[in-house]
Amino acid sequence: MSKNSTVIQDYEKIWKDWILKEDHGAVVNLHEKDRRRFLSILQRLIGRFQPPAFILELGSGTAIDTAILSRRLPAHLFLASDLSRNAMTVARKIGSEVNANIHLFVSDVKQLPLFPESAHLIFSQGLLEHFKNPVSILLNQAETIKPGGFVVVSVPQKFTGYTLYKHRQMKKESWTLGWETEYSYSRLKKMGSRIGLYEFTHFGDEYWKDPREPMFVLRDLGNKIFRIFPSLNKSSFFTLLLNGYNRIWFFLENQWGHLFMKNLVLVFQKKRINRYEQAMKKET
């Protein structure tokens, strides 16, 4: 990021380049593949609500996640918001290309222009880590969610090669995505509980696909051997070994992925109000 520019100016430049792209179909398809775990849990959570549920993505950028979910669950109401006007232009273009029915608006997550307890689910990916006071950002979301609703947060996981690389780049002032931090599972969970959000579930998501990411190197080892020696594809024995290797990794990812994958995803739920207990407290 340039010393003489703000974060929003740098992001406007990034999204301006996206506006010039003629076809985003390939990007959407790749996104749908790489984010399948994240999208799958969002789809299941939304399915818990009677349509039309109010679903909101914050810091949406291209809003590809929202566009994909809108195509899959057309009976629900999908909104996406970002501080960047160019990002909303890109999101509008992508939504049109994939025939997604989404409502877009420019807003600051510090001051959401929404009624309290109006949304059923709010989600973000790559948003919270940009704020030095993230509790206030999360609190705004908690106040906007209905009791029983969900806040889904995806942030960079702390213990990765990506984290080390990012901080080296930030130290050299060559990081293009603004100031960032990262989170451990325990830190993020405590932050939510402080403001009345309770953990529903958590998981790890995606890898930094780079040789400087040790866990990705190990995860990709079996597939890499087959890429180097394509003749092994004809061997049922080595195919069986590869399938076994991948099954082991699926197990590790499902159990402990939040400790070693690139992103940590924590699903918070807002506690339902017990009207009887509330009435009793007022009487006393």
C-alpha atoms as a PDB file:
ATOM      1  CA  MET A   1       0.000   0.000   0.000  1.00  0.00           C
ATOM      2  CA  SER A   2       1.285   3.441  -0.906  1.00  0.00           C
ATOM      3  CA  LYS A   3       2.311   5.785   1.919  1.00  0.00           C
ATOM      4  CA  ASN A   4       0.433   8.650   0.287  1.00  0.00           C
ATOM      5  CA  SER A   5      -2.907   6.916  -0.172  1.00  0.00           C
ATOM      6  CA  THR A   6      -5.666   5.597   2.062  1.00  0.00           C
ATOM      7  CA  VAL A   7      -6.856   2.013   2.249  1.00  0.00           C
ATOM      8  CA  ILE A   8     -10.074   2.877   0.423  1.00  0.00           C
ATOM      9  CA  GLN A   9      -8.126   4.553  -2.412  1.00  0.00           C
ATOM     10  CA  ASP A  10      -5.982   1.446  -2.835  1.00  0.00           C
ATOM     11  CA  TYR A  11      -9.015  -0.804  -2.914  1.00  0.00           C
ATOM     12  CA  GLU A  12     -10.738   1.462  -5.417  1.00  0.00           C
ATOM     13  CA  LYS A  13      -7.727   0.946  -7.702  1.00  0.00           C
ATOM     14  CA  ILE A  14      -7.922  -2.825  -7.276  1.00  0.00           C
ATOM     15  CA  TRP A  15     -11.625  -2.969  -8.118  1.00  0.00           C
ATOM     16  CA  LYS A  16     -11.210  -0.531 -11.013  1.00  0.00           C
ATOM     17  CA  ASP A  17      -9.009  -3.130 -12.734  1.00  0.00           C
ATOM     18  CA  TRP A  18     -11.750  -5.712 -12.190  1.00  0.00           C
ATOM     19  CA  ILE A  19     -14.311  -3.467 -13.896  1.00  0.00           C
ATOM     20  CA  LEU A  20     -12.299  -3.680 -17.118  1.00  0.00           C
ATOM     21  CA  LYS A  21     -12.548  -7.482 -17.239  1.00  0.00           C
ATOM     22  CA  GLU A  22     -15.053  -8.601 -19.842  1.00  0.00           C
ATOM     23  CA  ASP A  23     -15.984 -12.024 -18.479  1.00  0.00           C
ATOM     24  CA  HIS A  24     -15.891 -13.048 -14.826  1.00  0.00           C
ATOM     25  CA  GLY A  25     -17.341 -16.524 -15.378  1.00  0.00           C
ATOM     26  CA  ALA A  26     -14.027 -18.347 -14.915  1.00  0.00           C
ATOM     27  CA  VAL A  27     -13.354 -16.428 -11.683  1.00  0.00           C
ATOM     28  CA  VAL A  28     -16.796 -17.344 -10.337  1.00  0.00           C
ATOM     29  CA  ASN A  29     -16.307 -21.030 -11.187  1.00  0.00           C
ATOM     30  CA  LEU A  30     -12.901 -21.121  -9.475  1.00  0.00           C
ATOM     31  CA  HIS A  31     -14.313 -19.257  -6.490  1.00  0.00           C
ATOM     32  CA  GLU A  32     -17.141 -21.764  -6.176  1.00  0.00           C
ATOM     33  CA  LYS A  33     -14.617 -24.602  -6.137  1.00  0.00           C
ATOM     34  CA  ASP A  34     -12.145 -23.052  -3.666  1.00  0.00           C
ATOM     35  CA  ARG A  35     -14.859 -21.812  -1.292  1.00  0.00           C
ATOM     36  CA  ARG A  36     -17.028 -24.948  -1.366  1.00  0.00           C
ATOM     37  CA  ARG A  37     -16.617 -25.589   2.379  1.00  0.00           C
ATOM     38  CA  PHE A  38     -17.489 -21.983   3.297  1.00  0.00           C
ATOM     39  CA  LEU A  39     -20.403 -21.818   0.843  1.00  0.00           C
ATOM     40  CA  SER A  40     -21.724 -25.186   1.991  1.00  0.00           C
ATOM     41  CA  ILE A  41     -22.017 -24.151   5.641  1.00  0.00           C
ATOM     42  CA  LEU A  42     -23.647 -20.846   4.664  1.00  0.00           C
ATOM     43  CA  GLN A  43     -26.174 -22.695   2.526  1.00  0.00           C
ATOM     44  CA  ARG A  44     -27.040 -25.064   5.375  1.00  0.00           C
ATOM     45  CA  LEU A  45     -27.416 -22.195   7.851  1.00  0.00           C
ATOM     46  CA  ILE A  46     -29.690 -20.238   5.512  1.00  0.00           C
ATOM     47  CA  GLY A  47     -31.744 -23.389   4.995  1.00  0.00           C
ATOM     48  CA  ARG A  48     -32.721 -23.272   8.667  1.00  0.00           C
ATOM     49  CA  PHE A  49     -34.870 -20.181   8.020  1.00  0.00           C
ATOM     50  CA  GLN A  50     -38.249 -19.949   6.344  1.00  0.00           C
ATOM     51  CA  PRO A  51     -37.965 -17.866   3.144  1.00  0.00           C
ATOM     52  CA  PRO A  52     -37.606 -15.082   2.522  1.00  0.00           C
ATOM     53  CA  ALA A  53     -34.800 -14.718   5.071  1.00  0.00           C
ATOM     54  CA  PHE A  54     -32.687 -11.543   5.051  1.00  0.00           C
ATOM     55  CA  ILE A  55     -29.055 -12.454   4.292  1.00  0.00           C
ATOM     56  CA  LEU A  56     -26.313  -9.802   4.286  1.00  0.00           C
ATOM     57  CA  GLU A  57     -22.663  -9.929   3.226  1.00  0.00           C
ATOM     58  CA  LEU A  58     -20.422  -7.167   4.602  1.00  0.00           C
ATOM     59  CA  GLY A  59     -17.150  -6.035   3.016  1.00  0.00           C
ATOM     60  CA  SER A  60     -18.343  -8.023   0.045  1.00  0.00           C
ATOM     61  CA  GLY A  61     -15.931  -6.776  -2.609  1.00  0.00           C
ATOM     62  CA  THR A  62     -17.079  -8.601  -5.759  1.00  0.00           C
ATOM     63  CA  ALA A  63     -19.965 -10.235  -3.816  1.00  0.00           C
ATOM     64  CA  ILE A  64     -19.281 -13.531  -5.604  1.00  0.00           C
ATOM     65  CA  ASP A  65     -20.256 -15.518  -2.499  1.00  0.00           C
ATOM     66  CA  THR A  66     -23.597 -13.734  -2.360  1.00  0.00           C
ATOM     67  CA  ALA A  67     -24.165 -14.202  -6.103  1.00  0.00           C
ATOM     68  CA  ILE A  68     -23.533 -17.962  -5.826  1.00  0.00           C
ATOM     69  CA  LEU A  69     -25.815 -18.323  -2.801  1.00  0.00           C
ATOM     70  CA  SER A  70     -28.532 -16.288  -4.485  1.00  0.00           C
ATOM     71  CA  ARG A  71     -28.505 -18.673  -7.454  1.00  0.00           C
ATOM     72  CA  ARG A  72     -28.728 -21.678  -5.143  1.00  0.00           C
ATOM     73  CA  LEU A  73     -31.395 -20.240  -2.814  1.00  0.00           C
ATOM     74  CA  PRO A  74     -33.497 -17.838  -4.918  1.00  0.00           C
ATOM     75  CA  ALA A  75     -36.387 -17.689  -2.431  1.00  0.00           C
ATOM     76  CA  HIS A  76     -34.310 -15.663   0.053  1.00  0.00           C
ATOM     77  CA  LEU A  77     -33.402 -11.969   0.085  1.00  0.00           C
ATOM     78  CA  PHE A  78     -29.679 -11.345  -0.465  1.00  0.00           C
ATOM     79  CA  LEU A  79     -27.899  -8.043   0.133  1.00  0.00           C
ATOM     80  CA  ALA A  80     -24.216  -7.170  -0.155  1.00  0.00           C
ATOM     81  CA  SER A  81     -22.379  -4.060   0.938  1.00  0.00           C
ATOM     82  CA  ASP A  82     -18.900  -2.586   0.622  1.00  0.00           C
ATOM     83  CA  LEU A  83     -17.279   0.773   1.276  1.00  0.00           C
ATOM     84  CA  SER A  84     -15.868   0.823  -2.251  1.00  0.00           C
ATOM     85  CA  ARG A  85     -18.103   2.099  -5.038  1.00  0.00           C
ATOM     86  CA  ASN A  86     -15.944   0.368  -7.642  1.00  0.00           C
ATOM     87  CA  ALA A  87     -16.410  -2.922  -5.786  1.00  0.00           C
ATOM     88  CA  MET A  88     -20.175  -2.477  -6.020  1.00  0.00           C
ATOM     89  CA  THR A  89     -19.856  -1.797  -9.740  1.00  0.00           C
ATOM     90  CA  VAL A  90     -17.952  -5.074 -10.143  1.00  0.00           C
ATOM     91  CA  ALA A  91     -20.488  -6.916  -7.971  1.00  0.00           C
ATOM     92  CA  ARG A  92     -23.360  -5.569 -10.070  1.00  0.00           C
ATOM     93  CA  LYS A  93     -21.625  -6.725 -13.247  1.00  0.00           C
ATOM     94  CA  ILE A  94     -20.921 -10.216 -11.872  1.00  0.00           C
ATOM     95  CA  GLY A  95     -24.462 -10.549 -10.526  1.00  0.00           C
ATOM     96  CA  SER A  96     -25.811  -9.753 -13.977  1.00  0.00           C
ATOM     97  CA  GLU A  97     -23.448 -12.215 -15.685  1.00  0.00           C
ATOM     98  CA  VAL A  98     -24.483 -15.136 -13.455  1.00  0.00           C
ATOM     99  CA  ASN A  99     -28.185 -14.156 -13.253  1.00  0.00           C
ATOM    100  CA  ALA A 100     -28.093 -13.594  -9.497  1.00  0.00           C
ATOM    101  CA  ASN A 101     -30.760 -11.516  -7.792  1.00  0.00           C
ATOM    102  CA  ILE A 102     -28.829  -9.484  -5.201  1.00  0.00           C
ATOM    103  CA  HIS A 103     -29.308  -6.010  -3.753  1.00  0.00           C
ATOM    104  CA  LEU A 104     -26.162  -3.888  -3.436  1.00  0.00           C
ATOM    105  CA  PHE A 105     -25.411  -0.773  -1.414  1.00  0.00           C
ATOM    106  CA  VAL A 106     -22.385   1.250  -0.342  1.00  0.00           C
ATOM    107  CA  SER A 107     -21.944   1.564   3.416  1.00  0.00           C
ATOM    108  CA  ASP A 108     -19.453   1.698   6.261  1.00  0.00           C
ATOM    109  CA  VAL A 109     -19.514  -1.360   8.555  1.00  0.00           C
ATOM    110  CA  LYS A 110     -18.985   1.022  11.483  1.00  0.00           C
ATOM    111  CA  GLN A 111     -22.421   2.536  10.828  1.00  0.00           C
ATOM    112  CA  LEU A 112     -24.741   0.031   9.204  1.00  0.00           C
ATOM    113  CA  PRO A 113     -27.893   1.707   7.783  1.00  0.00           C
ATOM    114  CA  LEU A 114     -30.133  -1.119   8.967  1.00  0.00           C
ATOM    115  CA  PHE A 115     -32.766  -1.609  11.645  1.00  0.00           C
ATOM    116  CA  PRO A 116     -31.796  -3.502  14.809  1.00  0.00           C
ATOM    117  CA  GLU A 117     -32.616  -7.222  14.743  1.00  0.00           C
ATOM    118  CA  SER A 118     -33.565  -7.123  11.067  1.00  0.00           C
ATOM    119  CA  ALA A 119     -31.228  -9.707   9.485  1.00  0.00           C
ATOM    120  CA  HIS A 120     -31.291 -13.482   9.800  1.00  0.00           C
ATOM    121  CA  LEU A 121     -27.651 -14.034   8.843  1.00  0.00           C
ATOM    122  CA  ILE A 122     -24.673 -11.733   8.317  1.00  0.00           C
ATOM    123  CA  PHE A 123     -21.405 -13.033   6.926  1.00  0.00           C
ATOM    124  CA  SER A 124     -18.027 -11.636   5.979  1.00  0.00           C
ATOM    125  CA  GLN A 125     -14.809 -12.975   4.547  1.00  0.00           C
ATOM    126  CA  GLY A 126     -11.594 -10.991   4.858  1.00  0.00           C
ATOM    127  CA  LEU A 127     -13.155  -8.050   6.696  1.00  0.00           C
ATOM    128  CA  LEU A 128     -12.625  -8.112  10.451  1.00  0.00           C
ATOM    129  CA  GLU A 129      -8.832  -8.379  10.273  1.00  0.00           C
ATOM    130  CA  HIS A 130      -8.582  -4.846   8.836  1.00  0.00           C
ATOM    131  CA  PHE A 131      -9.845  -3.154  12.023  1.00  0.00           C
ATOM    132  CA  LYS A 132      -7.825  -2.327  15.113  1.00  0.00           C
ATOM    133  CA  ASN A 133     -11.046  -2.215  17.159  1.00  0.00           C
ATOM    134  CA  PRO A 134     -12.865  -5.284  15.800  1.00  0.00           C
ATOM    135  CA  VAL A 135     -15.200  -5.645  18.787  1.00  0.00           C
ATOM    136  CA  SER A 136     -17.201  -2.575  17.746  1.00  0.00           C
ATOM    137  CA  ILE A 137     -17.528  -3.953  14.185  1.00  0.00           C
ATOM    138  CA  LEU A 138     -18.757  -7.297  15.496  1.00  0.00           C
ATOM    139  CA  LEU A 139     -21.096  -5.565  17.955  1.00  0.00           C
ATOM    140  CA  ASN A 140     -22.797  -3.685  15.101  1.00  0.00           C
ATOM    141  CA  GLN A 141     -23.464  -7.027  13.433  1.00  0.00           C
ATOM    142  CA  ALA A 142     -24.741  -8.578  16.669  1.00  0.00           C
ATOM    143  CA  GLU A 143     -27.215  -5.720  17.081  1.00  0.00           C
ATOM    144  CA  THR A 144     -28.450  -6.110  13.490  1.00  0.00           C
ATOM    145  CA  ILE A 145     -29.049  -9.875  13.788  1.00  0.00           C
ATOM    146  CA  LYS A 146     -32.354 -11.291  14.966  1.00  0.00           C
ATOM    147  CA  PRO A 147     -32.308 -13.460  18.106  1.00  0.00           C
ATOM    148  CA  GLY A 148     -31.467 -16.966  16.924  1.00  0.00           C
ATOM    149  CA  GLY A 149     -29.716 -15.573  13.842  1.00  0.00           C
ATOM    150  CA  PHE A 150     -26.116 -16.111  12.799  1.00  0.00           C
ATOM    151  CA  VAL A 151     -22.972 -14.030  12.331  1.00  0.00           C
ATOM    152  CA  VAL A 152     -20.418 -15.920  10.218  1.00  0.00           C
ATOM    153  CA  VAL A 153     -16.872 -14.579  10.337  1.00  0.00           C
ATOM    154  CA  SER A 154     -13.991 -15.769   8.148  1.00  0.00           C
ATOM    155  CA  VAL A 155     -10.595 -14.296   9.057  1.00  0.00           C
ATOM    156  CA  PRO A 156      -6.925 -15.190   8.487  1.00  0.00           C
ATOM    157  CA  GLN A 157      -5.856 -17.963  10.866  1.00  0.00           C
ATOM    158  CA  LYS A 158      -2.828 -17.053  12.954  1.00  0.00           C
ATOM    159  CA  PHE A 159      -0.502 -20.041  12.671  1.00  0.00           C
ATOM    160  CA  THR A 160       0.330 -20.178   8.962  1.00  0.00           C
ATOM    161  CA  GLY A 161       3.121 -19.416   6.518  1.00  0.00           C
ATOM    162  CA  TYR A 162       0.764 -16.845   5.015  1.00  0.00           C
ATOM    163  CA  THR A 163       0.807 -14.902   8.302  1.00  0.00           C
ATOM    164  CA  LEU A 164       4.616 -14.786   8.337  1.00  0.00           C
ATOM    165  CA  TYR A 165       4.741 -13.684   4.696  1.00  0.00           C
ATOM    166  CA  LYS A 166       2.085 -11.010   5.247  1.00  0.00           C
ATOM    167  CA  HIS A 167       3.916  -9.432   8.180  1.00  0.00           C
ATOM    168  CA  ARG A 168       7.201  -9.376   6.284  1.00  0.00           C
ATOM    169  CA  GLN A 169       5.487  -7.554   3.435  1.00  0.00           C
ATOM    170  CA  MET A 170       3.787  -5.132   5.809  1.00  0.00           C
ATOM    171  CA  LYS A 171       7.137  -4.384   7.450  1.00  0.00           C
ATOM    172  CA  LYS A 172       8.580  -3.553   4.020  1.00  0.00           C
ATOM    173  CA  GLU A 173       5.445  -1.438   3.276  1.00  0.00           C
ATOM    174  CA  SER A 174       4.787  -3.516   0.170  1.00  0.00           C
ATOM    175  CA  TRP A 175       1.543  -5.136   1.333  1.00  0.00           C
ATOM    176  CA  THR A 176      -1.272  -3.986  -0.977  1.00  0.00           C
ATOM    177  CA  LEU A 177      -4.291  -4.863   1.168  1.00  0.00           C
ATOM    178  CA  GLY A 178      -3.946  -2.368   4.006  1.00  0.00           C
ATOM    179  CA  TRP A 179      -3.255  -3.057   7.676  1.00  0.00           C
ATOM    180  CA  GLU A 180      -4.176  -6.584   8.727  1.00  0.00           C
ATOM    181  CA  THR A 181      -4.065  -8.803  11.752  1.00  0.00           C
ATOM    182  CA  GLU A 182      -4.984 -12.461  12.210  1.00  0.00           C
ATOM    183  CA  TYR A 183      -6.843 -14.541  14.768  1.00  0.00           C
ATOM    184  CA  SER A 184      -6.532 -17.685  16.808  1.00  0.00           C
ATOM    185  CA  TYR A 185      -9.668 -19.698  17.473  1.00  0.00           C
ATOM    186  CA  SER A 186      -9.671 -18.853  21.197  1.00  0.00           C
ATOM    187  CA  ARG A 187      -9.241 -15.113  20.619  1.00  0.00           C
ATOM    188  CA  LEU A 188     -12.101 -14.899  18.130  1.00  0.00           C
ATOM    189  CA  LYS A 189     -14.434 -17.017  20.269  1.00  0.00           C
ATOM    190  CA  LYS A 190     -13.796 -14.847  23.355  1.00  0.00           C
ATOM    191  CA  MET A 191     -14.401 -11.692  21.358  1.00  0.00           C
ATOM    192  CA  GLY A 192     -17.829 -12.932  20.304  1.00  0.00           C
ATOM    193  CA  SER A 193     -18.837 -14.116  23.778  1.00  0.00           C
ATOM    194  CA  ARG A 194     -18.072 -10.659  25.182  1.00  0.00           C
ATOM    195  CA  ILE A 195     -20.937  -9.193  23.166  1.00  0.00           C
ATOM    196  CA  GLY A 196     -23.495 -11.979  23.492  1.00  0.00           C
ATOM    197  CA  LEU A 197     -22.578 -14.099  20.473  1.00  0.00           C
ATOM    198  CA  TYR A 198     -22.106 -17.787  21.167  1.00  0.00           C
ATOM    199  CA  GLU A 199     -20.254 -20.327  19.081  1.00  0.00           C
ATOM    200  CA  PHE A 200     -22.448 -22.533  16.885  1.00  0.00           C
ATOM    201  CA  THR A 201     -19.586 -24.206  15.002  1.00  0.00           C
ATOM    202  CA  HIS A 202     -16.109 -23.532  13.616  1.00  0.00           C
ATOM    203  CA  PHE A 203     -13.833 -24.882  10.901  1.00  0.00           C
ATOM    204  CA  GLY A 204     -10.740 -24.163   8.830  1.00  0.00           C
ATOM    205  CA  ASP A 205     -11.041 -23.127   5.194  1.00  0.00           C
ATOM    206  CA  GLU A 206      -8.691 -22.957   2.195  1.00  0.00           C
ATOM    207  CA  TYR A 207      -4.905 -23.018   1.915  1.00  0.00           C
ATOM    208  CA  TRP A 208      -2.403 -20.456   0.760  1.00  0.00           C
ATOM    209  CA  LYS A 209      -1.300 -22.353  -2.352  1.00  0.00           C
ATOM    210  CA  ASP A 210       2.342 -21.429  -2.139  1.00  0.00           C
ATOM    211  CA  PRO A 211       5.527 -23.433  -1.417  1.00  0.00           C
ATOM    212  CA  ARG A 212       6.090 -21.119   1.588  1.00  0.00           C
ATOM    213  CA  GLU A 213       3.006 -22.646   3.225  1.00  0.00           C
ATOM    214  CA  PRO A 214       4.194 -25.889   4.905  1.00  0.00           C
ATOM    215  CA  MET A 215       0.736 -27.403   5.430  1.00  0.00           C
ATOM    216  CA  PHE A 216      -0.241 -26.844   1.806  1.00  0.00           C
ATOM    217  CA  VAL A 217       2.990 -28.516   0.642  1.00  0.00           C
ATOM    218  CA  LEU A 218       2.112 -31.581   2.728  1.00  0.00           C
ATOM    219  CA  ARG A 219      -1.565 -31.487   1.677  1.00  0.00           C
ATOM    220  CA  ASP A 220      -0.667 -31.345  -2.002  1.00  0.00           C
ATOM    221  CA  LEU A 221       2.133 -33.921  -1.834  1.00  0.00           C
ATOM    222  CA  GLY A 222       0.110 -36.875  -3.112  1.00  0.00           C
ATOM    223  CA  ASN A 223      -1.401 -34.929  -6.000  1.00  0.00           C
ATOM    224  CA  LYS A 224       1.991 -33.439  -6.854  1.00  0.00           C
ATOM    225  CA  ILE A 225       3.544 -36.903  -7.229  1.00  0.00           C
ATOM    226  CA  PHE A 226       0.784 -37.817  -9.674  1.00  0.00           C
ATOM    227  CA  ARG A 227       1.342 -34.576 -11.599  1.00  0.00           C
ATOM    228  CA  ILE A 228       5.076 -35.313 -11.900  1.00  0.00           C
ATOM    229  CA  PHE A 229       4.512 -38.955 -12.808  1.00  0.00           C
ATOM    230  CA  PRO A 230       1.217 -39.041 -14.746  1.00  0.00           C
ATOM    231  CA  SER A 231       1.770 -42.714 -15.618  1.00  0.00           C
ATOM    232  CA  LEU A 232       0.891 -43.536 -11.986  1.00  0.00           C
ATOM    233  CA  ASN A 233      -2.738 -42.720 -12.816  1.00  0.00           C
ATOM    234  CA  LYS A 234      -2.872 -46.079 -14.579  1.00  0.00           C
ATOM    235  CA  SER A 235      -1.847 -47.930 -11.422  1.00  0.00           C
ATOM    236  CA  SER A 236      -4.770 -48.989  -9.221  1.00  0.00           C
ATOM    237  CA  PHE A 237      -2.355 -49.486  -6.299  1.00  0.00           C
ATOM    238  CA  PHE A 238      -1.018 -45.913  -6.351  1.00  0.00           C
ATOM    239  CA  THR A 239      -4.521 -44.536  -6.948  1.00  0.00           C
ATOM    240  CA  LEU A 240      -5.634 -46.384  -3.828  1.00  0.00           C
ATOM    241  CA  LEU A 241      -2.711 -44.880  -1.891  1.00  0.00           C
ATOM    242  CA  LEU A 242      -3.619 -41.374  -3.079  1.00  0.00           C
ATOM    243  CA  ASN A 243      -7.262 -41.831  -2.087  1.00  0.00           C
ATOM    244  CA  GLY A 244      -6.164 -42.997   1.363  1.00  0.00           C
ATOM    245  CA  TYR A 245      -3.790 -40.034   1.733  1.00  0.00           C
ATOM    246  CA  ASN A 246      -6.570 -37.614   0.796  1.00  0.00           C
ATOM    247  CA  ARG A 247      -9.019 -39.253   3.206  1.00  0.00           C
ATOM    248  CA  ILE A 248      -6.530 -38.760   6.044  1.00  0.00           C
ATOM    249  CA  TRP A 249      -6.282 -35.085   5.168  1.00  0.00           C
ATOM    250  CA  PHE A 250     -10.072 -34.703   4.964  1.00  0.00           C
ATOM    251  CA  PHE A 251     -10.228 -36.068   8.513  1.00  0.00           C
ATOM    252  CA  LEU A 252      -7.484 -33.721   9.749  1.00  0.00           C
ATOM    253  CA  GLU A 253      -9.148 -30.719   8.080  1.00  0.00           C
ATOM    254  CA  ASN A 254     -12.560 -31.522   9.556  1.00  0.00           C
ATOM    255  CA  GLN A 255     -11.168 -32.045  13.056  1.00  0.00           C
ATOM    256  CA  TRP A 256      -8.372 -29.491  13.358  1.00  0.00           C
ATOM    257  CA  GLY A 257      -8.369 -27.385  10.192  1.00  0.00           C
ATOM    258  CA  HIS A 258      -9.087 -24.261  12.270  1.00  0.00           C
ATOM    259  CA  LEU A 259      -5.572 -24.649  13.693  1.00  0.00           C
ATOM    260  CA  PHE A 260      -3.572 -24.915  10.453  1.00  0.00           C
ATOM    261  CA  MET A 261      -5.591 -23.839   7.381  1.00  0.00           C
ATOM    262  CA  LYS A 262      -5.383 -20.324   5.935  1.00  0.00           C
ATOM    263  CA  ASN A 263      -8.772 -19.095   7.134  1.00  0.00           C
ATOM    264  CA  LEU A 264     -10.543 -19.557  10.443  1.00  0.00           C
ATOM    265  CA  VAL A 265     -14.333 -19.554  10.159  1.00  0.00           C
ATOM    266  CA  LEU A 266     -16.398 -19.148  13.292  1.00  0.00           C
ATOM    267  CA  VAL A 267     -20.191 -19.270  13.202  1.00  0.00           C
ATOM    268  CA  PHE A 268     -21.739 -17.257  16.030  1.00  0.00           C
ATOM    269  CA  GLN A 269     -25.377 -17.434  17.041  1.00  0.00           C
ATOM    270  CA  LYS A 270     -27.295 -14.741  18.875  1.00  0.00           C
ATOM    271  CA  LYS A 271     -29.136 -16.168  21.847  1.00  0.00           C
ATOM    272  CA  ARG A 272     -32.913 -16.215  21.562  1.00  0.00           C
ATOM    273  CA  ILE A 273     -34.719 -13.994  24.057  1.00  0.00           C
ATOM    274  CA  ASN A 274     -36.733 -15.860  26.662  1.00  0.00           C
ATOM    275  CA  ARG A 275     -39.797 -13.612  26.866  1.00  0.00           C
ATOM    276  CA  TYR A 276     -40.941 -15.149  30.170  1.00  0.00           C
ATOM    277  CA  GLU A 277     -37.563 -14.511  31.844  1.00  0.00           C
ATOM    278  CA  GLN A 278     -37.531 -10.998  30.393  1.00  0.00           C
ATOM    279  CA  ALA A 279     -40.996 -10.264  31.837  1.00  0.00           C
ATOM    280  CA  MET A 280     -40.030 -11.639  35.253  1.00  0.00           C
ATOM    281  CA  LYS A 281     -36.937  -9.435  35.383  1.00  0.00           C
ATOM    282  CA  LYS A 282     -39.049  -6.353  34.635  1.00  0.00           C
ATOM    283  CA  GLU A 283     -41.485  -7.233  37.421  1.00  0.00           C
ATOM    284  CA  THR A 284     -38.678  -7.560  39.963  1.00  0.00           C
END
